[in-house]
Amino acid sequence: MVRLFHGTENKIREGHLSVKDKNKEETMSIAVIGAGSWGTVLSKILADNGHDVVLWARNPEKAALIEQTRINNDYLPDLTLSPSIHVTH
């Protein structure tokens, strides 16, 4: 859902403002609990959109391996994680 504030509709039509530009201004620190396929992809999407992300894995060895290789071989071996994602346990 996108909420438009007074006068925003005209700015969007005129090309002065886009929803993506507005979202880029608001960087959040987000923790994703669970380094399965869903948590891994969610972390990547959030990081790709400019947010600070911590991905939490239950297994310390798995967390260290993902942090080092930037790949979650157990679930998504073809997906490389951004260096901006911090993986911990």
C-alpha atoms as a PDB file:
ATOM      1  CA  MET A   1       0.000   0.000   0.000  1.00  0.00           C
ATOM      2  CA  VAL A   2       1.340   3.427  -0.920  1.00  0.00           C
ATOM      3  CA  ARG A   3       0.076   6.457   0.930  1.00  0.00           C
ATOM      4  CA  LEU A   4       0.272   9.755  -0.881  1.00  0.00           C
ATOM      5  CA  PHE A   5       0.381  12.995   1.062  1.00  0.00           C
ATOM      6  CA  HIS A   6      -1.255  16.262   0.060  1.00  0.00           C
ATOM      7  CA  GLY A   7       0.221  17.450  -3.232  1.00  0.00           C
ATOM      8  CA  THR A   8       2.306  14.330  -3.800  1.00  0.00           C
ATOM      9  CA  GLU A   9       0.072  13.050  -6.613  1.00  0.00           C
ATOM     10  CA  ASN A  10       0.966  16.014  -8.820  1.00  0.00           C
ATOM     11  CA  LYS A  11       4.686  15.675  -8.110  1.00  0.00           C
ATOM     12  CA  ILE A  12       4.614  12.002  -9.105  1.00  0.00           C
ATOM     13  CA  ARG A  13       2.756  12.798 -12.332  1.00  0.00           C
ATOM     14  CA  GLU A  14       5.262  15.561 -13.087  1.00  0.00           C
ATOM     15  CA  GLY A  15       8.176  13.179 -12.523  1.00  0.00           C
ATOM     16  CA  HIS A  16       9.623  14.983  -9.494  1.00  0.00           C
ATOM     17  CA  LEU A  17       9.124  12.222  -6.966  1.00  0.00           C
ATOM     18  CA  SER A  18       8.868   8.462  -7.096  1.00  0.00           C
ATOM     19  CA  VAL A  19       7.985   5.906  -4.458  1.00  0.00           C
ATOM     20  CA  LYS A  20      11.438   4.345  -4.845  1.00  0.00           C
ATOM     21  CA  ASP A  21      13.144   7.702  -4.166  1.00  0.00           C
ATOM     22  CA  LYS A  22      11.108   8.145  -0.985  1.00  0.00           C
ATOM     23  CA  ASN A  23      11.963   4.662   0.269  1.00  0.00           C
ATOM     24  CA  LYS A  24      15.699   5.133  -0.342  1.00  0.00           C
ATOM     25  CA  GLU A  25      15.709   8.087   2.045  1.00  0.00           C
ATOM     26  CA  GLU A  26      14.560   5.909   4.956  1.00  0.00           C
ATOM     27  CA  THR A  27      17.280   3.406   5.828  1.00  0.00           C
ATOM     28  CA  MET A  28      16.359   0.988   8.587  1.00  0.00           C
ATOM     29  CA  SER A  29      18.359  -1.460  10.672  1.00  0.00           C
ATOM     30  CA  ILE A  30      16.578  -4.792  10.362  1.00  0.00           C
ATOM     31  CA  ALA A  31      17.250  -8.194  11.918  1.00  0.00           C
ATOM     32  CA  VAL A  32      16.035 -11.299  10.086  1.00  0.00           C
ATOM     33  CA  ILE A  33      15.758 -14.329  12.341  1.00  0.00           C
ATOM     34  CA  GLY A  34      16.322 -17.559  10.476  1.00  0.00           C
ATOM     35  CA  ALA A  35      18.847 -18.248   7.735  1.00  0.00           C
ATOM     36  CA  GLY A  36      16.729 -20.658   5.725  1.00  0.00           C
ATOM     37  CA  SER A  37      15.676 -19.916   2.166  1.00  0.00           C
ATOM     38  CA  TRP A  38      13.015 -17.382   3.169  1.00  0.00           C
ATOM     39  CA  GLY A  39      15.229 -15.461   5.625  1.00  0.00           C
ATOM     40  CA  THR A  40      18.150 -15.446   3.205  1.00  0.00           C
ATOM     41  CA  VAL A  41      16.096 -14.022   0.334  1.00  0.00           C
ATOM     42  CA  LEU A  42      14.394 -11.486   2.600  1.00  0.00           C
ATOM     43  CA  SER A  43      17.819 -10.327   3.832  1.00  0.00           C
ATOM     44  CA  LYS A  44      19.043  -9.896   0.269  1.00  0.00           C
ATOM     45  CA  ILE A  45      15.972  -7.909  -0.788  1.00  0.00           C
ATOM     46  CA  LEU A  46      16.243  -5.620   2.237  1.00  0.00           C
ATOM     47  CA  ALA A  47      19.983  -5.041   1.704  1.00  0.00           C
ATOM     48  CA  ASP A  48      19.458  -4.417  -2.016  1.00  0.00           C
ATOM     49  CA  ASN A  49      17.005  -1.683  -1.014  1.00  0.00           C
ATOM     50  CA  GLY A  50      19.640   0.042   1.116  1.00  0.00           C
ATOM     51  CA  HIS A  51      18.764  -1.215   4.589  1.00  0.00           C
ATOM     52  CA  ASP A  52      21.260  -2.386   7.222  1.00  0.00           C
ATOM     53  CA  VAL A  53      20.577  -6.104   7.713  1.00  0.00           C
ATOM     54  CA  VAL A  54      21.640  -8.685  10.282  1.00  0.00           C
ATOM     55  CA  LEU A  55      20.790 -12.286   9.357  1.00  0.00           C
ATOM     56  CA  TRP A  56      20.612 -14.590  12.370  1.00  0.00           C
ATOM     57  CA  ALA A  57      21.356 -18.304  11.975  1.00  0.00           C
ATOM     58  CA  ARG A  58      20.763 -20.857  14.737  1.00  0.00           C
ATOM     59  CA  ASN A  59      23.946 -22.793  13.965  1.00  0.00           C
ATOM     60  CA  PRO A  60      27.217 -20.891  14.680  1.00  0.00           C
ATOM     61  CA  GLU A  61      29.170 -22.848  12.058  1.00  0.00           C
ATOM     62  CA  LYS A  62      26.549 -22.149   9.404  1.00  0.00           C
ATOM     63  CA  ALA A  63      26.523 -18.449  10.317  1.00  0.00           C
ATOM     64  CA  ALA A  64      30.303 -18.252  10.045  1.00  0.00           C
ATOM     65  CA  LEU A  65      30.303 -20.040   6.683  1.00  0.00           C
ATOM     66  CA  ILE A  66      27.610 -17.769   5.213  1.00  0.00           C
ATOM     67  CA  GLU A  67      29.403 -14.681   6.571  1.00  0.00           C
ATOM     68  CA  GLN A  68      32.688 -15.833   5.008  1.00  0.00           C
ATOM     69  CA  THR A  69      31.458 -17.112   1.621  1.00  0.00           C
ATOM     70  CA  ARG A  70      28.369 -14.847   1.247  1.00  0.00           C
ATOM     71  CA  ILE A  71      26.468 -17.983   0.071  1.00  0.00           C
ATOM     72  CA  ASN A  72      23.891 -20.137   1.879  1.00  0.00           C
ATOM     73  CA  ASN A  73      24.821 -23.486   0.327  1.00  0.00           C
ATOM     74  CA  ASP A  74      22.134 -25.425   2.221  1.00  0.00           C
ATOM     75  CA  TYR A  75      19.231 -23.538   0.650  1.00  0.00           C
ATOM     76  CA  LEU A  76      20.293 -21.115  -2.124  1.00  0.00           C
ATOM     77  CA  PRO A  77      23.709 -22.035  -3.537  1.00  0.00           C
ATOM     78  CA  ASP A  78      23.264 -19.761  -6.589  1.00  0.00           C
ATOM     79  CA  LEU A  79      22.485 -16.607  -4.568  1.00  0.00           C
ATOM     80  CA  THR A  80      25.346 -14.369  -3.447  1.00  0.00           C
ATOM     81  CA  LEU A  81      24.615 -12.123  -0.483  1.00  0.00           C
ATOM     82  CA  SER A  82      25.617  -8.488  -0.342  1.00  0.00           C
ATOM     83  CA  PRO A  83      28.680  -7.644   1.763  1.00  0.00           C
ATOM     84  CA  SER A  84      26.433  -5.261   3.704  1.00  0.00           C
ATOM     85  CA  ILE A  85      24.546  -8.195   5.293  1.00  0.00           C
ATOM     86  CA  HIS A  86      26.039  -9.210   8.627  1.00  0.00           C
ATOM     87  CA  VAL A  87      25.452 -12.886   9.499  1.00  0.00           C
ATOM     88  CA  THR A  88      25.517 -13.932  13.141  1.00  0.00           C
ATOM     89  CA  HIS A  89      24.214 -16.598  15.534  1.00  0.00           C
END
